Protein backbone atom coordinates (compact mmCIF):
# COMPACT_ATOMS: atom_id res chain seq x y z
CA MET A 1 -10.82 -9.76 -27.19
CA ILE A 2 -13.97 -10.02 -25.11
CA LYS A 3 -17.60 -9.24 -25.68
CA LYS A 4 -18.45 -5.77 -24.39
CA TYR A 5 -21.23 -5.96 -21.84
CA LYS A 6 -22.81 -2.95 -20.28
CA ILE A 7 -20.31 -1.51 -17.83
CA THR A 8 -22.49 -1.87 -14.73
CA VAL A 9 -23.25 -5.54 -15.29
CA PHE A 10 -19.68 -6.26 -16.34
CA ILE A 11 -18.09 -4.75 -13.25
CA ILE A 12 -20.56 -6.53 -10.95
CA LEU A 13 -19.83 -9.86 -12.62
CA ILE A 14 -16.08 -9.35 -12.23
CA LEU A 15 -16.29 -8.43 -8.58
CA SER A 16 -18.66 -11.32 -7.81
CA ASN A 17 -16.10 -13.64 -9.36
CA TYR A 18 -13.63 -12.65 -6.65
CA SER A 19 -16.15 -12.60 -3.84
CA TYR A 20 -17.11 -16.25 -4.16
CA ALA A 21 -13.63 -17.71 -4.68
CA THR A 22 -12.34 -19.40 -1.55
CA PRO A 23 -8.71 -19.33 -0.31
CA ASN A 24 -8.60 -23.14 -0.59
CA ASN A 25 -9.82 -23.13 -4.20
CA PRO A 26 -8.81 -19.78 -5.63
CA SER A 27 -9.73 -18.87 -9.17
CA ILE A 28 -7.04 -18.08 -11.73
CA LYS A 29 -8.09 -14.43 -11.51
CA ASN A 30 -7.44 -14.46 -7.78
CA LYS A 31 -4.00 -15.92 -8.40
CA ILE A 32 -3.27 -13.12 -10.87
CA ILE A 33 -4.37 -10.54 -8.28
CA ASP A 34 -2.24 -12.27 -5.66
CA ALA A 35 0.85 -12.20 -7.90
CA TYR A 36 0.23 -8.55 -8.78
CA VAL A 37 -0.10 -7.49 -5.14
CA ARG A 38 3.21 -9.24 -4.38
CA ASN A 39 4.83 -7.41 -7.30
CA ASP A 40 5.52 -10.78 -8.98
CA LEU A 41 4.90 -9.32 -12.42
CA GLU A 42 6.40 -12.24 -14.36
CA LYS A 43 3.86 -14.49 -12.63
CA VAL A 44 1.02 -12.16 -13.65
CA ILE A 45 2.08 -12.46 -17.30
CA GLN A 46 2.65 -16.21 -17.04
CA LEU A 47 -0.79 -16.89 -15.55
CA THR A 48 -2.64 -14.77 -18.09
CA LYS A 49 -0.74 -16.42 -20.96
CA GLU A 50 -1.23 -19.99 -19.74
CA ASN A 51 -4.94 -19.54 -19.07
CA SER A 52 -5.87 -17.08 -21.84
CA ILE A 53 -7.47 -14.82 -19.22
CA HIS A 54 -9.00 -11.55 -20.42
CA GLY A 55 -11.21 -8.97 -18.75
CA PRO A 56 -11.15 -5.30 -17.71
CA LEU A 57 -9.25 -5.96 -14.48
CA THR A 58 -6.86 -8.72 -15.56
CA ASP A 59 -6.02 -6.92 -18.81
CA TYR A 60 -5.14 -3.83 -16.78
CA LEU A 61 -2.94 -5.78 -14.36
CA ASN A 62 -1.26 -7.52 -17.28
CA GLY A 63 -0.67 -4.18 -19.03
CA VAL A 64 0.99 -2.79 -15.91
CA ALA A 65 3.08 -5.96 -15.57
CA TYR A 66 4.38 -5.87 -19.14
CA LEU A 67 5.60 -2.30 -18.83
CA LEU A 68 7.02 -2.36 -15.31
CA LYS A 69 8.83 -5.69 -15.50
CA GLU A 70 11.28 -4.32 -18.07
CA ASN A 71 10.16 -1.01 -19.49
CA GLN A 72 13.17 -0.57 -21.78
CA VAL A 73 11.88 -3.32 -24.09
CA MET A 74 9.70 -1.58 -26.66
CA SER A 75 7.94 -4.76 -27.75
CA ASP A 76 6.74 -5.17 -24.17
CA ALA A 77 5.67 -1.53 -24.13
CA ARG A 78 3.51 -2.15 -27.19
CA THR A 79 2.02 -5.26 -25.60
CA SER A 80 1.37 -3.26 -22.43
CA LEU A 81 -0.46 -0.58 -24.40
CA GLU A 82 -2.66 -3.18 -26.15
CA TYR A 83 -3.81 -4.63 -22.83
CA ILE A 84 -4.39 -1.22 -21.25
CA LYS A 85 -6.44 -0.08 -24.26
CA ASP A 86 -8.56 -3.24 -24.17
CA SER A 87 -9.18 -2.71 -20.46
CA ALA A 88 -10.04 0.98 -20.90
CA GLU A 89 -12.42 0.29 -23.78
CA ALA A 90 -14.14 -2.34 -21.60
CA GLY A 91 -14.85 0.35 -18.99
CA ASN A 92 -11.98 0.10 -16.48
CA PRO A 93 -11.36 3.62 -15.10
CA TYR A 94 -7.84 2.73 -13.89
CA ALA A 95 -6.86 1.82 -17.44
CA MET A 96 -8.61 4.96 -18.72
CA TRP A 97 -6.64 7.15 -16.33
CA SER A 98 -3.42 5.37 -17.35
CA LEU A 99 -4.11 6.19 -21.03
CA GLY A 100 -4.60 9.78 -19.89
CA SER A 101 -1.16 9.88 -18.26
CA ASP A 102 1.26 12.44 -19.71
CA ILE A 103 4.22 10.36 -18.54
CA LEU A 104 3.11 6.85 -19.49
CA CYS A 105 2.36 7.92 -23.06
CA GLN A 106 6.08 8.52 -23.53
CA TYR A 107 6.88 4.90 -22.62
CA TRP A 108 4.16 3.65 -24.94
CA GLY A 109 5.08 6.03 -27.74
CA ASN A 110 1.42 7.00 -27.87
CA CYS A 111 1.18 10.69 -27.04
CA ASP A 112 -0.98 11.82 -29.97
CA GLU A 113 -4.37 10.94 -28.49
CA ASP A 114 -6.47 13.29 -26.39
CA ARG A 115 -5.31 12.27 -22.94
CA SER A 116 -7.60 14.71 -21.15
CA GLU A 117 -10.57 12.90 -22.70
CA TRP A 118 -9.42 9.59 -21.17
CA ARG A 119 -9.03 11.28 -17.78
CA ASP A 120 -12.55 12.69 -18.05
CA LYS A 121 -13.87 9.22 -18.88
CA ALA A 122 -12.06 7.78 -15.86
CA ARG A 123 -13.53 10.40 -13.53
CA ALA A 124 -17.02 9.79 -14.91
CA GLN A 125 -16.69 6.03 -14.35
CA TRP A 126 -15.27 6.50 -10.83
CA LYS A 127 -18.15 8.86 -10.06
CA LYS A 128 -20.68 6.26 -11.20
CA LEU A 129 -18.99 3.45 -9.26
CA ALA A 130 -18.68 5.68 -6.18
CA PHE A 131 -22.20 7.08 -5.99
CA LYS A 132 -24.27 4.39 -7.70
CA ASP A 133 -22.38 1.18 -6.95
CA ASN A 134 -20.95 2.27 -3.57
CA ASP A 135 -17.41 1.19 -4.51
CA PRO A 136 -14.94 2.39 -1.81
CA GLN A 137 -11.92 2.30 -4.14
CA ALA A 138 -13.76 4.41 -6.69
CA MET A 139 -14.75 6.84 -3.91
CA TYR A 140 -11.08 7.27 -3.06
CA TYR A 141 -9.88 7.85 -6.62
CA TYR A 142 -12.79 10.10 -7.55
CA SER A 143 -12.23 12.23 -4.45
CA VAL A 144 -8.52 12.76 -5.16
CA THR A 145 -8.74 13.32 -8.93
CA THR A 146 -11.94 15.15 -9.69
CA ASN A 147 -12.76 18.80 -10.20
CA ASP A 148 -16.48 18.53 -9.62
CA LEU A 149 -19.25 20.85 -10.77
CA PHE A 150 -19.04 22.87 -7.57
CA SER A 151 -15.31 23.54 -7.80
CA TYR A 152 -16.03 27.26 -8.20
CA ILE A 153 -17.16 27.11 -4.55
CA PRO A 154 -13.85 25.81 -3.13
CA PHE A 155 -14.98 25.02 0.41
CA TYR A 156 -18.06 23.15 -0.80
CA ALA A 157 -15.98 21.11 -3.24
CA ALA A 158 -13.40 20.31 -0.57
CA ASP A 159 -16.12 19.25 1.87
CA LYS A 160 -17.71 16.95 -0.72
CA LYS A 161 -14.36 15.33 -1.47
CA ARG A 162 -13.61 14.82 2.23
CA GLU A 163 -17.06 13.35 2.74
CA LEU A 164 -16.44 10.83 -0.04
CA LEU A 165 -12.94 10.07 1.25
CA PHE A 166 -14.25 9.41 4.77
CA LYS A 167 -16.99 7.14 3.43
CA SER A 168 -14.33 5.18 1.55
CA ILE A 169 -12.37 4.83 4.81
CA GLU A 170 -15.46 3.71 6.72
CA MET A 171 -16.06 1.03 4.09
CA GLY A 172 -12.60 -0.42 4.65
CA ASN A 173 -10.30 1.34 2.19
CA PHE A 174 -7.00 1.54 4.06
CA GLN A 175 -5.33 3.32 1.13
CA ALA A 176 -7.73 6.22 1.65
CA LEU A 177 -7.04 6.20 5.39
CA SER A 178 -3.27 6.24 4.80
CA MET A 179 -3.62 9.24 2.50
CA TRP A 180 -5.75 11.13 5.03
CA PHE A 181 -3.36 10.24 7.88
CA LEU A 182 -0.36 11.54 5.91
CA ALA A 183 -2.22 14.81 5.26
CA VAL A 184 -3.00 15.38 8.95
CA LYS A 185 0.15 13.87 10.49
CA ASP A 186 1.58 17.27 11.44
CA LYS A 187 -1.69 18.24 13.18
CA ILE A 188 -1.57 14.98 15.15
CA ALA A 189 2.06 15.60 16.11
CA ASP A 190 1.11 19.11 17.27
CA GLY A 191 -1.52 17.61 19.59
CA ASP A 192 -4.68 18.74 17.79
CA GLN A 193 -7.30 16.97 19.91
CA GLU A 194 -10.06 16.83 17.29
CA THR A 195 -7.75 15.28 14.68
CA ILE A 196 -6.30 12.86 17.23
CA ALA A 197 -9.77 11.67 18.24
CA GLN A 198 -10.73 11.24 14.59
CA ALA A 199 -7.54 9.30 13.85
CA LYS A 200 -8.06 6.97 16.82
CA LYS A 201 -11.63 6.27 15.75
CA MET A 202 -10.73 5.54 12.13
CA LEU A 203 -7.66 3.45 12.98
CA GLN A 204 -9.37 1.28 15.60
CA PRO A 205 -11.01 -1.27 13.25
CA TYR A 206 -7.65 -1.87 11.55
CA VAL A 207 -5.79 -1.96 14.88
CA ASP A 208 -8.29 -4.57 16.12
CA LYS A 209 -7.44 -6.68 13.06
CA GLY A 210 -3.70 -6.35 13.74
CA ASN A 211 -2.92 -4.42 10.54
CA PRO A 212 0.83 -3.62 10.96
CA SER A 213 0.63 -0.22 9.27
CA ALA A 214 -2.36 0.74 11.42
CA LEU A 215 -0.54 -0.39 14.57
CA ILE A 216 2.43 1.86 13.75
CA LYS A 217 0.12 4.79 12.98
CA ASP A 218 -1.66 4.20 16.31
CA ALA A 219 1.73 4.25 18.05
CA PHE A 220 2.39 7.65 16.46
CA VAL A 221 -0.95 8.95 17.75
CA LEU A 222 -0.23 7.71 21.29
CA LYS A 223 3.21 9.32 21.15
CA SER A 224 1.56 12.63 20.24
CA ILE A 225 -0.91 12.35 23.12
CA ASP A 226 1.62 11.58 25.84
CA GLU A 227 4.76 9.65 24.99
CA ASN A 228 5.91 9.02 28.56
CA LYS A 229 2.49 7.93 29.79
CA ASN A 230 1.90 5.65 26.79
CA LYS A 231 5.45 4.35 26.48
CA GLN A 232 4.64 0.70 27.14
CA LYS A 233 1.57 0.78 24.88
CA ILE A 234 3.66 2.30 22.10
CA PHE A 235 6.35 -0.35 22.43
CA ASP A 236 3.68 -3.10 22.51
CA LEU A 237 2.21 -1.75 19.27
CA TYR A 238 5.63 -1.84 17.59
CA GLN A 239 6.19 -5.39 18.79
CA LEU A 240 2.76 -6.51 17.57
CA ALA A 241 3.34 -4.85 14.18
CA GLU A 242 6.61 -6.76 13.92
CA LYS A 243 4.92 -10.01 14.97
CA ASN A 244 2.26 -9.49 12.31
CA GLY A 245 4.86 -9.17 9.59
CA GLY A 246 5.14 -5.37 9.35
CA GLY A 247 7.29 -2.50 10.49
CA ASN A 248 10.75 -1.55 9.31
CA LEU A 249 14.04 -0.19 10.58
CA GLY A 250 12.99 3.45 10.15
CA ASP A 251 9.74 2.95 12.07
CA TYR A 252 11.55 1.26 14.92
CA LEU A 253 14.60 3.49 15.26
CA PHE A 254 12.74 6.65 16.19
CA PHE A 255 11.45 4.89 19.31
CA LEU A 256 14.56 2.84 20.05
CA GLU A 257 16.38 5.36 22.23
CA LYS A 258 13.47 5.75 24.63
CA ASP A 259 12.65 2.05 24.66
CA THR A 260 16.16 1.14 25.80
CA ASN A 261 16.46 3.99 28.32
CA GLY A 262 20.09 4.48 27.43
CA ASP A 263 20.97 0.77 27.76
CA VAL A 264 23.58 0.63 25.00
CA LEU A 265 23.80 -3.17 25.08
CA LYS A 266 20.08 -3.40 24.45
CA GLN A 267 20.37 -0.76 21.73
CA TYR A 268 23.15 -2.76 20.12
CA GLU A 269 21.07 -5.95 20.16
CA HIS A 270 18.02 -4.22 18.63
CA LEU A 271 20.08 -2.56 15.92
CA TYR A 272 22.11 -5.67 15.13
CA ALA A 273 18.87 -7.61 14.64
CA LYS A 274 17.48 -4.92 12.37
CA GLU A 275 20.67 -4.63 10.36
CA TYR A 276 20.85 -8.39 9.94
CA THR A 277 17.69 -8.06 7.86
CA MET A 278 19.51 -5.47 5.71
CA LYS A 279 22.32 -7.85 4.72
CA ASN A 280 23.04 -6.15 1.41
CA ASN A 281 22.93 -2.61 2.75
CA PRO A 282 23.68 -2.42 6.50
CA LEU A 283 24.03 1.04 8.02
CA GLY A 284 26.65 0.11 10.61
CA LEU A 285 24.67 1.73 13.45
CA ALA A 286 25.20 -1.16 15.86
CA ASP A 287 28.98 -0.96 15.42
CA ASP A 288 28.81 2.80 15.95
CA ILE A 289 27.23 2.21 19.36
CA ALA A 290 29.97 -0.26 20.31
CA ASN A 291 32.75 2.07 19.09
CA LYS A 292 31.33 5.05 20.97
CA ASN A 293 30.82 3.15 24.24
CA PRO A 294 33.85 0.83 24.61
CA GLU A 295 33.61 0.83 28.41
CA LYS A 296 30.05 -0.60 28.27
CA PHE A 297 31.18 -3.51 26.10
CA LYS A 298 34.26 -4.42 28.10
CA GLY A 299 34.07 -8.07 29.22
CA VAL A 300 30.72 -8.54 27.46
CA ASP A 301 30.07 -11.66 25.39
CA ILE A 302 29.21 -9.73 22.24
CA GLU A 303 28.89 -12.91 20.18
CA LYS A 304 26.10 -14.06 22.48
CA ILE A 305 24.29 -10.75 21.95
CA ARG A 306 24.72 -11.09 18.19
CA ARG A 307 23.38 -14.66 18.15
CA ARG A 308 20.34 -13.55 20.14
CA ALA A 309 19.85 -10.64 17.74
CA ILE A 310 20.12 -12.91 14.69
CA ASP A 311 17.61 -15.35 16.18
CA HIS A 312 15.21 -12.45 16.64
CA ALA A 313 15.80 -11.23 13.08
CA LYS A 314 15.10 -14.70 11.70
CA TRP A 315 11.89 -14.84 13.71
CA VAL A 316 10.82 -11.51 12.20
CA GLU A 317 11.64 -12.76 8.70
CA GLN A 318 9.53 -15.85 9.30
CA LYS A 319 6.60 -13.69 10.44
CA GLN A 320 6.91 -11.57 7.30
CA LEU A 321 7.03 -14.72 5.19
CA GLU A 322 3.89 -16.06 6.89
CA ARG A 323 2.10 -12.79 6.17
CA SER A 324 3.21 -12.67 2.55
CA SER A 325 2.14 -16.28 1.96
CA LYS A 326 -1.52 -15.43 2.56
CA LEU A 327 -3.57 -15.05 -0.61
CA GLN A 328 -4.23 -11.38 -1.35
CA THR A 329 -7.67 -10.15 -2.43
CA ILE A 330 -9.03 -7.47 -4.74
CA GLU A 331 -9.29 -5.14 -1.72
CA ASP A 332 -5.48 -5.28 -1.32
CA ILE A 333 -4.73 -3.88 -4.77
CA ASN A 334 -3.00 -0.55 -5.10
CA TYR A 335 -4.27 0.17 -8.60
CA PHE A 336 -1.46 2.64 -9.30
CA PRO A 337 1.65 0.89 -7.95
CA VAL A 338 5.09 2.38 -7.44
CA GLY A 339 6.59 3.02 -10.85
CA TRP A 340 3.21 3.49 -12.55
CA SER A 341 2.51 7.15 -13.20
CA PHE A 342 -0.58 8.69 -11.63
CA LYS A 343 0.03 11.95 -13.56
């Protein structure tokens, strides 16, 4: 499908293609990435078909799209496998690892090949990209998948993996930071000062940029330090995350009780706004508050509260829409999306 260049040159050429495309004049490849990040898999397939786009990255994204959009259709599974194989043979480690998956092979009907060999090839390519080309995504995947040569010295191996993971974080890989944060979340909650200081330092660049997920993580850290003392800062972080198009009902609810200080009318308004955004699956929590506190709602213009809550919910939806309308870049890709086996 494409001429096979040396892997190093090929990867550099692909990445430079993205680097020099501008948001006002995005390349077709950028549009494919953008559609993929938004989980608009039909658009990924449409764009690659219409423009006859091929390459290690776009073939991989297209292969994922064909299988995940409707994985019961075997013809699509075969098409998916063709794209993934082309991508893997062109040197894409994410495609290589996918061919090495014990689960994906069942969807493709292609379980006869030596899958461990494909996984070894993926690790070798990630290692090269991580150490030679300084690729932060490769650093992340190599650190979480490899059994390196020093694995018989467990502490050394673990230290080397952490070192690579932290370097990936420092270079701007938020996926790596999220994984680390999840691993140490209990230590942060228990007030481990060293871990808290490390989390604050690593989160700060993302907090400064207004990354919603980072803002919510920072709120969790502040809560662990001193919830009462940092109460207003925590609430401000939640509000900013919401303004920047992030956050969700679960994130907000754990702090709701303390934010409202027992003001059930305020609780009702917050919850009604949140549940308005869950039109197809409301939890009924706002009504529970009203039913449990009838005396607090006596003589209250509840319709006014609901209108105010709906206005707020619509504002949040608009903020999320504004965020989602921004063109996504190669740095935003989760190479193994939900529904795509990493095993």
